[in-house]
Amino acid sequence: MIRSYLKKKDVSGAAQSAEQALAASDHPRIRVARAEVLFRQGEIVRAEKEWADVINSGYAEARAYLGLARVEGDVIRLRAENSKNGESRIVTFETGELSELMERREAARTVKSATGTLESKYIFHRKGEPIGDFRKAWAGA
């Protein structure tokens, strides 16, 4: 429910839903969704702490990793300390092909494995694992 409210850009409804869900269960996925709400409310430090707590608890929740990469609705903010050239970047994908691509990739993050179903922490992956370096394939071609 929380993410449904966020998709509708109803942050107050999402916040209320998150608090009700947390009252019923302190599940890491609910905490990550609440962190997304906090982020959209401008409470960046609290959101980052929530995402870090989920990651440090050992629960593999992909959205927590993405949250620390600063995914905000239809915008990805890459911090300078995480970029190759030391420059920060903002990528928007509100409409158009990139938006459609991100929707497809979000849907494809659920992967079936021998042990059950899991959600890949990677947006672009091969059976839940990182794709790797394309230069290796080019060198062998």
Protein backbone atom coordinates (compact mmCIF):
# COMPACT_ATOMS: atom_id res chain seq x y z
CA MET A 1 0.00 0.00 0.00
CA ILE A 2 2.79 2.43 0.86
CA ARG A 3 4.32 2.31 -2.61
CA SER A 4 0.87 2.66 -4.18
CA TYR A 5 0.47 5.97 -2.39
CA LEU A 6 3.96 7.02 -3.45
CA LYS A 7 3.21 6.20 -7.10
CA LYS A 8 0.17 8.47 -6.83
CA LYS A 9 2.47 11.11 -5.26
CA ASP A 10 0.34 11.00 -2.08
CA VAL A 11 3.18 11.25 0.44
CA SER A 12 0.92 11.92 3.44
CA GLY A 13 -1.17 8.82 2.63
CA ALA A 14 2.05 6.81 2.26
CA ALA A 15 3.31 8.10 5.61
CA GLN A 16 0.10 7.16 7.36
CA SER A 17 0.10 3.72 5.72
CA ALA A 18 3.75 3.16 6.72
CA GLU A 19 3.09 3.99 10.37
CA GLN A 20 0.06 1.65 10.45
CA ALA A 21 2.07 -1.14 8.82
CA LEU A 22 4.96 -0.69 11.27
CA ALA A 23 2.54 -0.84 14.20
CA ALA A 24 1.49 -4.28 12.96
CA SER A 25 4.95 -5.60 11.94
CA ASP A 26 8.53 -4.33 12.06
CA HIS A 27 9.46 -6.01 8.78
CA PRO A 28 12.51 -4.66 6.87
CA ARG A 29 10.49 -4.10 3.68
CA ILE A 30 8.09 -1.86 5.59
CA ARG A 31 11.02 0.04 7.10
CA VAL A 32 12.52 0.56 3.63
CA ALA A 33 9.18 1.84 2.31
CA ARG A 34 8.96 4.20 5.30
CA ALA A 35 12.46 5.43 4.46
CA GLU A 36 11.25 6.23 0.94
CA VAL A 37 8.46 8.29 2.51
CA LEU A 38 10.92 10.07 4.81
CA PHE A 39 13.14 10.84 1.83
CA ARG A 40 10.26 12.40 -0.08
CA GLN A 41 9.34 14.42 3.00
CA GLY A 42 12.85 15.87 2.97
CA GLU A 43 14.06 13.93 6.01
CA ILE A 44 17.16 12.66 4.21
CA VAL A 45 19.24 11.80 7.28
CA ARG A 46 16.44 9.75 8.88
CA ALA A 47 15.79 7.98 5.56
CA GLU A 48 19.46 7.10 5.07
CA LYS A 49 19.67 5.81 8.65
CA GLU A 50 16.62 3.60 8.08
CA TRP A 51 18.08 2.19 4.85
CA ALA A 52 21.47 1.60 6.49
CA ASP A 53 19.83 -0.13 9.47
CA VAL A 54 18.02 -2.53 7.15
CA ILE A 55 21.21 -3.30 5.21
CA ASN A 56 23.24 -3.74 8.41
CA SER A 57 20.61 -6.10 9.82
CA GLY A 58 21.59 -8.57 7.10
CA TYR A 59 18.24 -8.46 5.33
CA ALA A 60 18.94 -8.24 1.59
CA GLU A 61 16.46 -5.58 0.48
CA ALA A 62 17.37 -4.12 -2.90
CA ARG A 63 15.40 -0.92 -2.35
CA ALA A 64 17.56 -0.13 0.68
CA TYR A 65 20.69 -0.22 -1.49
CA LEU A 66 18.97 1.91 -4.10
CA GLY A 67 17.81 4.28 -1.38
CA LEU A 68 21.38 4.89 -0.36
CA ALA A 69 22.08 5.65 -4.01
CA ARG A 70 19.36 8.32 -3.60
CA VAL A 71 16.54 7.07 -5.76
CA GLU A 72 13.68 9.52 -5.41
CA GLY A 73 10.62 8.63 -7.42
CA ASP A 74 11.64 9.30 -11.01
CA VAL A 75 15.10 10.68 -10.20
CA ILE A 76 18.41 8.98 -9.38
CA ARG A 77 20.97 11.14 -7.61
CA LEU A 78 24.52 9.86 -7.78
CA ARG A 79 26.73 11.38 -5.12
CA ALA A 80 30.19 12.58 -6.12
CA GLU A 81 31.92 10.13 -3.78
CA ASN A 82 30.21 7.24 -5.62
CA SER A 83 31.02 8.33 -9.17
CA LYS A 84 34.10 7.42 -11.22
CA ASN A 85 35.09 11.01 -11.96
CA GLY A 86 34.13 12.53 -8.60
CA GLU A 87 31.22 14.53 -10.05
CA SER A 88 27.64 14.20 -8.85
CA ARG A 89 24.90 13.48 -11.36
CA ILE A 90 21.11 13.62 -11.52
CA VAL A 91 19.28 11.32 -13.93
CA THR A 92 15.56 11.86 -14.44
CA PHE A 93 13.23 9.36 -16.04
CA GLU A 94 9.76 10.82 -15.60
CA THR A 95 8.56 10.12 -19.13
CA GLY A 96 9.70 8.54 -22.36
CA GLU A 97 11.87 5.55 -23.10
CA LEU A 98 13.97 5.69 -19.94
CA SER A 99 10.82 5.71 -17.80
CA GLU A 100 9.49 2.68 -19.66
CA LEU A 101 12.83 0.92 -19.33
CA MET A 102 12.96 1.53 -15.58
CA GLU A 103 9.40 0.21 -15.17
CA ARG A 104 10.34 -2.99 -17.05
CA ARG A 105 13.54 -3.40 -15.05
CA GLU A 106 11.68 -2.88 -11.76
CA ALA A 107 9.24 -5.63 -12.76
CA ALA A 108 12.14 -7.92 -13.74
CA ARG A 109 13.91 -7.66 -10.40
CA THR A 110 12.04 -10.65 -8.99
CA VAL A 111 14.04 -13.75 -9.91
CA LYS A 112 13.28 -17.44 -9.41
CA SER A 113 16.17 -19.50 -8.08
CA ALA A 114 16.70 -23.06 -6.85
CA THR A 115 15.96 -21.89 -3.29
CA GLY A 116 12.83 -19.90 -4.17
CA THR A 117 12.05 -16.38 -5.29
CA LEU A 118 14.33 -13.43 -4.54
CA GLU A 119 14.49 -9.77 -5.44
CA SER A 120 17.75 -8.80 -7.13
CA LYS A 121 19.53 -5.80 -5.68
CA TYR A 122 20.60 -4.91 -9.21
CA ILE A 123 18.45 -3.00 -11.68
CA PHE A 124 20.28 -4.62 -14.60
CA HIS A 125 21.14 -8.22 -13.88
CA ARG A 126 21.36 -11.72 -15.27
CA LYS A 127 19.38 -14.14 -13.06
CA GLY A 128 19.87 -11.82 -10.08
CA GLU A 129 23.64 -11.47 -10.48
CA PRO A 130 25.48 -8.44 -11.88
CA ILE A 131 25.92 -8.54 -15.64
CA GLY A 132 29.67 -7.97 -15.47
CA ASP A 133 32.05 -6.14 -17.73
CA PHE A 134 31.04 -5.99 -21.41
CA ARG A 135 34.70 -5.45 -22.42
CA LYS A 136 35.48 -9.05 -21.49
CA ALA A 137 32.91 -10.29 -24.02
CA TRP A 138 34.20 -7.87 -26.65
CA ALA A 139 37.79 -9.03 -26.17
CA GLY A 140 36.71 -12.63 -26.78
CA ALA A 141 34.67 -11.81 -29.89
